[in-house]
Structure formats: C-alpha cells, structure tokens
C-alpha cells in the first residue's frame, strides 16, 4: 500500500473512532460482544433505540432461568413484534412457531441427539405492546421458543459490526 493510501486509511480510522467515542459519550449506545453461537456475528453496536421491527437485532437483559442468570445480556433477532399474531403448532418435526403465518422455526425435540432440550413455550395470540419473540439463528439457540416473550430489560436495537 502506498504512503498516501496509508495516510487516508489512518485518517478514516481516526475519524471513525472519534465519532464512535463521541456517540458513546452522549449515551447513544455501547459495544456488545456475542460470545455464543446462537446468532451470526460477534461484535455489535447497541443503541438506545427501542423502535424494533421483525428482523432487527436487539439486546436485552434476561429474566433468568436454570440455564442463564437474571441480568445476563442476550443479543437476538426480533422474530415477531408487538401487535403481530404468534402461533405454535405441534408437527412431526416438532413444535413450529409462526408469526402472522410466516414460519419462524421449530423447537428442538428431546431425542438421543438433544437429550437436554429445554421445555418449550406454547403461545397463540397477539403479542402485547412492548413485547417481542426473540430468535437466534442456530437450531439449538436458547431463545423465546424456550423462555417466552421478551417484555422487559430491553436495551435497544443492535447493529452487527462483524
């Protein structure tokens, strides 16, 4: 790389870091790190924007269970939003989850392959205001299929960096 290109790249990096640090100092957001394989992506910028829609990544503090303590921060994908109709159907593949008729995925089944599959949640109805059905991208992701709707502890929309 030529000396001019190195200077330009360095300048862009300095400006980008300065802008990000300024945003953080204004309380706009923070950086989050995903240490699990339940969603694609490792580094995220989490904003205070709570205007979430289907397909958005979002961060929230978990209510707690046998698998994760209360306050553990998750980053998941909004699978179904407030006001939408979530249904569950038991099928040969397992319990299927639908948002307004669109298949979201299946809960794991207790089998020899998944002996520790957690109990799954059955929900049929309109998702209440301020609540979301959270999904991971992995088949075995611990998400709303197993702990129900996310209605509290929501930090905001997350943006995948890489």
C-alpha atoms as a PDB file:
ATOM      1  CA  UNK A   1       0.000   0.000   0.000  1.00  0.00           C
ATOM      2  CA  UNK A   2       1.345   3.416  -0.899  1.00  0.00           C
ATOM      3  CA  UNK A   3       2.160   6.068   1.705  1.00  0.00           C
ATOM      4  CA  UNK A   4      -0.825   8.249   0.617  1.00  0.00           C
ATOM      5  CA  UNK A   5      -3.266   5.345   0.922  1.00  0.00           C
ATOM      6  CA  UNK A   6      -1.919   4.520   4.391  1.00  0.00           C
ATOM      7  CA  UNK A   7      -2.449   8.134   5.463  1.00  0.00           C
ATOM      8  CA  UNK A   8      -6.010   8.164   4.101  1.00  0.00           C
ATOM      9  CA  UNK A   9      -6.890   4.856   5.786  1.00  0.00           C
ATOM     10  CA  UNK A  10      -5.356   6.080   9.066  1.00  0.00           C
ATOM     11  CA  UNK A  11      -7.327   9.305   8.832  1.00  0.00           C
ATOM     12  CA  UNK A  12     -10.588   7.479   8.174  1.00  0.00           C
ATOM     13  CA  UNK A  13      -9.956   5.161  11.140  1.00  0.00           C
ATOM     14  CA  UNK A  14      -9.202   8.103  13.453  1.00  0.00           C
ATOM     15  CA  UNK A  15     -12.354   9.947  12.373  1.00  0.00           C
ATOM     16  CA  UNK A  16     -14.490   6.794  12.731  1.00  0.00           C
ATOM     17  CA  UNK A  17     -13.142   6.063  16.218  1.00  0.00           C
ATOM     18  CA  UNK A  18     -13.672   9.707  17.218  1.00  0.00           C
ATOM     19  CA  UNK A  19     -17.291   9.646  16.017  1.00  0.00           C
ATOM     20  CA  UNK A  20     -17.987   6.362  17.802  1.00  0.00           C
ATOM     21  CA  UNK A  21     -16.448   7.581  21.057  1.00  0.00           C
ATOM     22  CA  UNK A  22     -18.493  10.795  20.795  1.00  0.00           C
ATOM     23  CA  UNK A  23     -21.703   8.794  20.306  1.00  0.00           C
ATOM     24  CA  UNK A  24     -20.887   6.635  23.313  1.00  0.00           C
ATOM     25  CA  UNK A  25     -20.154   9.712  25.430  1.00  0.00           C
ATOM     26  CA  UNK A  26     -23.614  11.090  24.575  1.00  0.00           C
ATOM     27  CA  UNK A  27     -25.212   7.874  25.820  1.00  0.00           C
ATOM     28  CA  UNK A  28     -26.284   6.832  22.333  1.00  0.00           C
ATOM     29  CA  UNK A  29     -25.063   3.261  22.761  1.00  0.00           C
ATOM     30  CA  UNK A  30     -22.261   0.885  23.550  1.00  0.00           C
ATOM     31  CA  UNK A  31     -20.375  -2.053  22.063  1.00  0.00           C
ATOM     32  CA  UNK A  32     -21.603  -5.561  22.794  1.00  0.00           C
ATOM     33  CA  UNK A  33     -19.802  -8.840  22.250  1.00  0.00           C
ATOM     34  CA  UNK A  34     -21.649 -12.044  21.441  1.00  0.00           C
ATOM     35  CA  UNK A  35     -19.720 -14.964  22.942  1.00  0.00           C
ATOM     36  CA  UNK A  36     -22.197 -17.675  21.923  1.00  0.00           C
ATOM     37  CA  UNK A  37     -23.013 -19.280  18.595  1.00  0.00           C
ATOM     38  CA  UNK A  38     -26.771 -18.626  18.850  1.00  0.00           C
ATOM     39  CA  UNK A  39     -26.650 -15.764  16.329  1.00  0.00           C
ATOM     40  CA  UNK A  40     -24.340 -14.851  13.493  1.00  0.00           C
ATOM     41  CA  UNK A  41     -21.958 -12.083  14.469  1.00  0.00           C
ATOM     42  CA  UNK A  42     -19.534 -11.366  17.274  1.00  0.00           C
ATOM     43  CA  UNK A  43     -19.338  -7.581  17.641  1.00  0.00           C
ATOM     44  CA  UNK A  44     -22.398  -5.336  17.848  1.00  0.00           C
ATOM     45  CA  UNK A  45     -23.129  -1.695  18.491  1.00  0.00           C
ATOM     46  CA  UNK A  46     -26.153  -1.484  20.787  1.00  0.00           C
ATOM     47  CA  UNK A  47     -28.207   1.699  20.618  1.00  0.00           C
ATOM     48  CA  UNK A  48     -30.880   3.076  22.924  1.00  0.00           C
ATOM     49  CA  UNK A  49     -33.362   2.949  20.017  1.00  0.00           C
ATOM     50  CA  UNK A  50     -36.242   0.711  21.142  1.00  0.00           C
ATOM     51  CA  UNK A  51     -38.237   1.094  17.919  1.00  0.00           C
ATOM     52  CA  UNK A  52     -37.838  -2.560  16.907  1.00  0.00           C
ATOM     53  CA  UNK A  53     -39.171  -4.436  13.888  1.00  0.00           C
ATOM     54  CA  UNK A  54     -39.066  -8.017  12.650  1.00  0.00           C
ATOM     55  CA  UNK A  55     -35.531  -8.906  11.554  1.00  0.00           C
ATOM     56  CA  UNK A  56     -33.784  -6.339  13.778  1.00  0.00           C
ATOM     57  CA  UNK A  57     -31.060  -7.435  16.178  1.00  0.00           C
ATOM     58  CA  UNK A  58     -31.746  -6.275  19.722  1.00  0.00           C
ATOM     59  CA  UNK A  59     -30.102  -6.508  23.129  1.00  0.00           C
ATOM     60  CA  UNK A  60     -31.881  -7.237  26.397  1.00  0.00           C
ATOM     61  CA  UNK A  61     -31.173  -8.345  29.930  1.00  0.00           C
ATOM     62  CA  UNK A  62     -32.521 -11.836  30.530  1.00  0.00           C
ATOM     63  CA  UNK A  63     -35.128 -12.512  33.227  1.00  0.00           C
ATOM     64  CA  UNK A  64     -33.228 -15.618  34.388  1.00  0.00           C
ATOM     65  CA  UNK A  65     -33.646 -19.400  34.218  1.00  0.00           C
ATOM     66  CA  UNK A  66     -31.811 -22.594  35.118  1.00  0.00           C
ATOM     67  CA  UNK A  67     -29.517 -22.060  32.128  1.00  0.00           C
ATOM     68  CA  UNK A  68     -28.668 -18.345  32.442  1.00  0.00           C
ATOM     69  CA  UNK A  69     -28.743 -15.985  35.425  1.00  0.00           C
ATOM     70  CA  UNK A  70     -31.009 -12.965  35.750  1.00  0.00           C
ATOM     71  CA  UNK A  71     -29.406  -9.941  34.097  1.00  0.00           C
ATOM     72  CA  UNK A  72     -27.385 -11.918  31.543  1.00  0.00           C
ATOM     73  CA  UNK A  73     -27.290  -9.845  28.347  1.00  0.00           C
ATOM     74  CA  UNK A  74     -28.583 -11.502  25.186  1.00  0.00           C
ATOM     75  CA  UNK A  75     -28.467 -10.265  21.611  1.00  0.00           C
ATOM     76  CA  UNK A  76     -31.166 -11.882  19.474  1.00  0.00           C
ATOM     77  CA  UNK A  77     -33.261 -11.169  16.382  1.00  0.00           C
ATOM     78  CA  UNK A  78     -36.850  -9.916  16.541  1.00  0.00           C
ATOM     79  CA  UNK A  79     -38.875 -12.782  15.094  1.00  0.00           C
ATOM     80  CA  UNK A  80     -42.320 -11.396  15.851  1.00  0.00           C
ATOM     81  CA  UNK A  81     -43.238  -7.924  17.144  1.00  0.00           C
ATOM     82  CA  UNK A  82     -45.889  -6.242  19.253  1.00  0.00           C
ATOM     83  CA  UNK A  83     -49.317  -6.443  17.613  1.00  0.00           C
ATOM     84  CA  UNK A  84     -48.440  -9.421  15.429  1.00  0.00           C
ATOM     85  CA  UNK A  85     -50.070 -12.843  15.792  1.00  0.00           C
ATOM     86  CA  UNK A  86     -47.804 -15.619  17.102  1.00  0.00           C
ATOM     87  CA  UNK A  87     -48.970 -19.233  16.824  1.00  0.00           C
ATOM     88  CA  UNK A  88     -47.486 -22.577  17.732  1.00  0.00           C
ATOM     89  CA  UNK A  89     -48.361 -25.883  16.095  1.00  0.00           C
ATOM     90  CA  UNK A  90     -47.180 -29.347  17.013  1.00  0.00           C
ATOM     91  CA  UNK A  91     -45.898 -31.080  13.871  1.00  0.00           C
ATOM     92  CA  UNK A  92     -43.889 -34.208  13.042  1.00  0.00           C
ATOM     93  CA  UNK A  93     -40.737 -32.046  13.011  1.00  0.00           C
ATOM     94  CA  UNK A  94     -41.528 -30.619  16.447  1.00  0.00           C
ATOM     95  CA  UNK A  95     -43.289 -27.537  17.729  1.00  0.00           C
ATOM     96  CA  UNK A  96     -43.402 -24.936  14.953  1.00  0.00           C
ATOM     97  CA  UNK A  97     -43.600 -21.169  15.580  1.00  0.00           C
ATOM     98  CA  UNK A  98     -45.354 -18.822  13.151  1.00  0.00           C
ATOM     99  CA  UNK A  99     -45.646 -15.035  13.045  1.00  0.00           C
ATOM    100  CA  UNK A 100     -48.668 -13.914  11.020  1.00  0.00           C
ATOM    101  CA  UNK A 101     -48.498 -17.270   9.236  1.00  0.00           C
ATOM    102  CA  UNK A 102     -44.749 -16.985   8.429  1.00  0.00           C
ATOM    103  CA  UNK A 103     -42.697 -19.932   9.757  1.00  0.00           C
ATOM    104  CA  UNK A 104     -40.062 -18.773  12.244  1.00  0.00           C
ATOM    105  CA  UNK A 105     -38.625 -22.159  13.157  1.00  0.00           C
ATOM    106  CA  UNK A 106     -39.031 -25.238  15.320  1.00  0.00           C
ATOM    107  CA  UNK A 107     -38.265 -26.007  18.939  1.00  0.00           C
ATOM    108  CA  UNK A 108     -35.863 -28.887  19.482  1.00  0.00           C
ATOM    109  CA  UNK A 109     -37.267 -32.259  20.454  1.00  0.00           C
ATOM    110  CA  UNK A 110     -35.946 -34.416  23.271  1.00  0.00           C
ATOM    111  CA  UNK A 111     -34.137 -37.150  21.374  1.00  0.00           C
ATOM    112  CA  UNK A 112     -30.908 -39.065  21.686  1.00  0.00           C
ATOM    113  CA  UNK A 113     -29.300 -36.210  19.740  1.00  0.00           C
ATOM    114  CA  UNK A 114     -30.771 -33.497  22.049  1.00  0.00           C
ATOM    115  CA  UNK A 115     -31.353 -35.168  25.451  1.00  0.00           C
ATOM    116  CA  UNK A 116     -31.185 -31.820  27.273  1.00  0.00           C
ATOM    117  CA  UNK A 117     -33.633 -29.943  25.051  1.00  0.00           C
ATOM    118  CA  UNK A 118     -35.398 -27.439  27.348  1.00  0.00           C
ATOM    119  CA  UNK A 119     -39.167 -27.313  27.652  1.00  0.00           C
ATOM    120  CA  UNK A 120     -40.656 -25.049  25.037  1.00  0.00           C
ATOM    121  CA  UNK A 121     -43.296 -22.338  25.311  1.00  0.00           C
ATOM    122  CA  UNK A 122     -46.692 -22.599  23.629  1.00  0.00           C
ATOM    123  CA  UNK A 123     -48.203 -19.240  22.646  1.00  0.00           C
ATOM    124  CA  UNK A 124     -51.184 -18.484  20.446  1.00  0.00           C
ATOM    125  CA  UNK A 125     -52.279 -14.880  20.288  1.00  0.00           C
ATOM    126  CA  UNK A 126     -51.380 -11.275  19.623  1.00  0.00           C
ATOM    127  CA  UNK A 127     -48.052 -10.197  21.077  1.00  0.00           C
ATOM    128  CA  UNK A 128     -48.674  -7.453  23.670  1.00  0.00           C
ATOM    129  CA  UNK A 129     -47.353  -3.919  23.263  1.00  0.00           C
ATOM    130  CA  UNK A 130     -43.668  -3.673  24.182  1.00  0.00           C
ATOM    131  CA  UNK A 131     -43.053  -7.426  23.854  1.00  0.00           C
ATOM    132  CA  UNK A 132     -41.083  -9.396  21.268  1.00  0.00           C
ATOM    133  CA  UNK A 133     -40.473 -13.005  20.260  1.00  0.00           C
ATOM    134  CA  UNK A 134     -36.676 -13.297  20.204  1.00  0.00           C
ATOM    135  CA  UNK A 135     -34.876 -15.728  17.902  1.00  0.00           C
ATOM    136  CA  UNK A 136     -31.361 -16.960  17.375  1.00  0.00           C
ATOM    137  CA  UNK A 137     -30.042 -18.165  14.047  1.00  0.00           C
ATOM    138  CA  UNK A 138     -28.889 -21.592  15.282  1.00  0.00           C
ATOM    139  CA  UNK A 139     -31.247 -24.549  15.579  1.00  0.00           C
ATOM    140  CA  UNK A 140     -30.275 -25.023  19.215  1.00  0.00           C
ATOM    141  CA  UNK A 141     -30.364 -21.333  20.150  1.00  0.00           C
ATOM    142  CA  UNK A 142     -31.827 -20.627  23.586  1.00  0.00           C
ATOM    143  CA  UNK A 143     -34.475 -18.069  22.692  1.00  0.00           C
ATOM    144  CA  UNK A 144     -38.196 -17.247  23.058  1.00  0.00           C
ATOM    145  CA  UNK A 145     -39.121 -20.763  21.986  1.00  0.00           C
ATOM    146  CA  UNK A 146     -37.911 -21.801  25.458  1.00  0.00           C
ATOM    147  CA  UNK A 147     -38.291 -18.760  27.735  1.00  0.00           C
ATOM    148  CA  UNK A 148     -41.246 -16.898  26.229  1.00  0.00           C
ATOM    149  CA  UNK A 149     -41.712 -13.318  25.127  1.00  0.00           C
ATOM    150  CA  UNK A 150     -39.213 -10.576  25.947  1.00  0.00           C
ATOM    151  CA  UNK A 151     -41.193  -7.753  27.565  1.00  0.00           C
ATOM    152  CA  UNK A 152     -38.666  -6.110  29.879  1.00  0.00           C
ATOM    153  CA  UNK A 153     -34.965  -5.397  30.162  1.00  0.00           C
ATOM    154  CA  UNK A 154     -34.769  -4.285  26.527  1.00  0.00           C
ATOM    155  CA  UNK A 155     -31.676  -2.167  25.897  1.00  0.00           C
ATOM    156  CA  UNK A 156     -32.292  -1.347  22.246  1.00  0.00           C
ATOM    157  CA  UNK A 157     -31.564  -2.119  18.622  1.00  0.00           C
ATOM    158  CA  UNK A 158     -28.191  -3.732  17.916  1.00  0.00           C
ATOM    159  CA  UNK A 159     -26.165  -3.396  14.727  1.00  0.00           C
ATOM    160  CA  UNK A 160     -23.817  -6.191  13.695  1.00  0.00           C
ATOM    161  CA  UNK A 161     -20.299  -4.937  13.038  1.00  0.00           C
ATOM    162  CA  UNK A 162     -18.844  -8.362  12.207  1.00  0.00           C
END
